[in-house]
């Protein structure tokens, strides 16, 4: 599936056609087809995705742009069937510990009941260990 992904940061916001955005949303999966057939929902999804795209194209975490990295621990989750990400790059953003978890599923792996249970337990444990 990852071959189908467009390098979204390279697509200009002004050049992104509504059809291209909808195709990308379909490739990601997780959005019921009935929602994509509803004109009001479609307009909202396209608008939201355009704003997400704008953030992705303007946000930068270059080392030179920050004085001090984060000091907190970071936990990264990814779906095993999702597009691969450079998870090691998270090490550049914090002096804290980094944990990586690959869970079964694609981009919307969070919707898998077993993953939801795992995440709830993991987050609860983190909160308890932090004394919150």
Protein backbone atom coordinates (compact mmCIF):
# COMPACT_ATOMS: atom_id res chain seq x y z
CA UNK A 1 0.00 0.00 0.00
CA UNK A 2 2.83 2.44 0.74
CA UNK A 3 3.71 2.67 -2.97
CA UNK A 4 0.39 4.40 -3.47
CA UNK A 5 1.24 7.23 -1.11
CA UNK A 6 2.03 10.57 -2.66
CA UNK A 7 4.91 12.40 -0.98
CA UNK A 8 2.35 14.82 0.43
CA UNK A 9 4.87 17.44 1.55
CA UNK A 10 5.84 17.91 -2.11
CA UNK A 11 2.30 18.72 -3.26
CA UNK A 12 1.60 22.44 -3.40
CA UNK A 13 -1.56 23.43 -1.53
CA UNK A 14 -2.71 25.53 -4.47
CA UNK A 15 -2.01 22.63 -6.88
CA UNK A 16 -3.83 19.98 -4.86
CA UNK A 17 -7.09 19.18 -6.62
CA UNK A 18 -10.12 18.12 -4.61
CA UNK A 19 -10.12 14.76 -6.43
CA UNK A 20 -6.47 14.18 -5.49
CA UNK A 21 -7.19 14.92 -1.85
CA UNK A 22 -10.16 12.55 -1.85
CA UNK A 23 -8.05 9.82 -3.51
CA UNK A 24 -5.40 10.26 -0.82
CA UNK A 25 -8.05 10.00 1.91
CA UNK A 26 -9.32 6.78 0.27
CA UNK A 27 -5.77 5.36 0.13
CA UNK A 28 -5.26 6.08 3.83
CA UNK A 29 -8.38 4.06 4.57
CA UNK A 30 -10.47 4.34 7.70
CA UNK A 31 -13.09 6.66 6.20
CA UNK A 32 -16.33 4.84 5.36
CA UNK A 33 -17.24 5.16 1.66
CA UNK A 34 -20.73 6.43 2.58
CA UNK A 35 -19.11 9.47 4.20
CA UNK A 36 -17.05 10.14 1.08
CA UNK A 37 -20.26 10.11 -0.96
CA UNK A 38 -21.90 12.79 1.20
CA UNK A 39 -21.20 16.22 -0.35
CA UNK A 40 -21.20 18.12 2.97
CA UNK A 41 -18.84 15.64 4.60
CA UNK A 42 -16.63 15.62 1.49
CA UNK A 43 -16.32 19.43 1.54
CA UNK A 44 -15.41 19.35 5.23
CA UNK A 45 -12.82 16.59 4.75
CA UNK A 46 -11.20 18.42 1.83
CA UNK A 47 -11.05 21.69 3.78
CA UNK A 48 -9.60 19.95 6.84
CA UNK A 49 -7.06 18.03 4.79
CA UNK A 50 -5.95 21.23 3.00
CA UNK A 51 -5.28 22.83 6.37
CA UNK A 52 -3.39 19.73 7.53
CA UNK A 53 -1.35 19.93 4.34
CA UNK A 54 -0.62 23.61 4.99
CA UNK A 55 0.67 22.75 8.48
CA UNK A 56 2.83 19.90 7.15
CA UNK A 57 4.36 22.20 4.55
CA UNK A 58 5.13 25.05 6.93
CA UNK A 59 6.05 23.25 10.16
CA UNK A 60 9.73 22.57 10.67
CA UNK A 61 11.65 20.95 13.49
CA UNK A 62 15.10 21.68 12.16
CA UNK A 63 17.72 21.55 14.91
CA UNK A 64 18.98 25.02 14.03
CA UNK A 65 15.53 26.48 14.66
CA UNK A 66 15.30 25.43 18.29
CA UNK A 67 17.52 26.38 21.18
CA UNK A 68 16.85 23.42 23.46
CA UNK A 69 15.35 20.07 22.49
CA UNK A 70 12.43 18.70 24.45
CA UNK A 71 13.46 16.90 27.61
CA UNK A 72 10.38 14.70 27.88
CA UNK A 73 10.14 11.05 26.93
CA UNK A 74 8.41 10.35 23.60
CA UNK A 75 6.47 7.22 22.70
CA UNK A 76 5.89 6.56 18.99
CA UNK A 77 3.21 4.28 17.58
CA UNK A 78 2.84 3.18 13.97
CA UNK A 79 0.66 0.74 12.07
CA UNK A 80 2.58 -2.24 10.67
CA UNK A 81 0.86 -1.85 7.29
CA UNK A 82 1.07 1.96 7.22
CA UNK A 83 3.60 3.95 5.24
CA UNK A 84 6.97 3.63 6.92
CA UNK A 85 8.23 6.68 8.80
CA UNK A 86 11.66 7.76 9.93
CA UNK A 87 10.92 7.03 13.58
CA UNK A 88 14.58 7.42 14.47
CA UNK A 89 14.27 11.16 13.72
CA UNK A 90 12.38 11.54 17.01
CA UNK A 91 15.75 11.19 18.77
CA UNK A 92 16.64 14.63 17.39
CA UNK A 93 13.71 16.26 19.20
CA UNK A 94 14.30 15.25 22.80
CA UNK A 95 16.97 14.46 25.31
CA UNK A 96 14.47 12.08 26.93
CA UNK A 97 13.91 8.42 26.18
CA UNK A 98 12.20 7.25 22.98
CA UNK A 99 9.98 4.17 22.76
CA UNK A 100 8.67 2.68 19.51
CA UNK A 101 5.67 0.41 19.09
CA UNK A 102 4.44 -1.07 15.82
CA UNK A 103 0.84 -2.21 16.09
CA UNK A 104 -1.11 -4.37 13.62
CA UNK A 105 -2.98 -2.42 10.96
CA UNK A 106 -2.70 0.42 8.51
CA UNK A 107 -2.91 4.19 8.91
CA UNK A 108 -5.96 3.91 11.17
CA UNK A 109 -4.52 1.15 13.36
CA UNK A 110 -6.04 2.97 16.34
CA UNK A 111 -9.47 1.73 15.27
CA UNK A 112 -8.49 -1.91 15.84
CA UNK A 113 -10.05 -3.04 19.16
CA UNK A 114 -6.91 -4.91 20.28
CA UNK A 115 -4.80 -1.82 19.60
CA UNK A 116 -7.25 0.37 21.49
CA UNK A 117 -6.92 -1.90 24.52
CA UNK A 118 -3.12 -1.86 24.26
CA UNK A 119 -3.04 1.95 24.00
CA UNK A 120 -5.40 2.46 26.93
CA UNK A 121 -3.27 0.17 29.11
CA UNK A 122 -0.05 1.84 27.96
CA UNK A 123 -1.31 5.39 28.54
CA UNK A 124 -2.80 4.44 31.92
CA UNK A 125 0.54 2.93 32.99
CA UNK A 126 2.39 6.08 31.88
CA UNK A 127 0.02 8.30 33.85
CA UNK A 128 0.32 6.10 36.94
CA UNK A 129 4.13 6.07 36.69
CA UNK A 130 4.14 9.86 36.35
CA UNK A 131 2.02 10.20 39.48
CA UNK A 132 -0.68 12.17 37.67
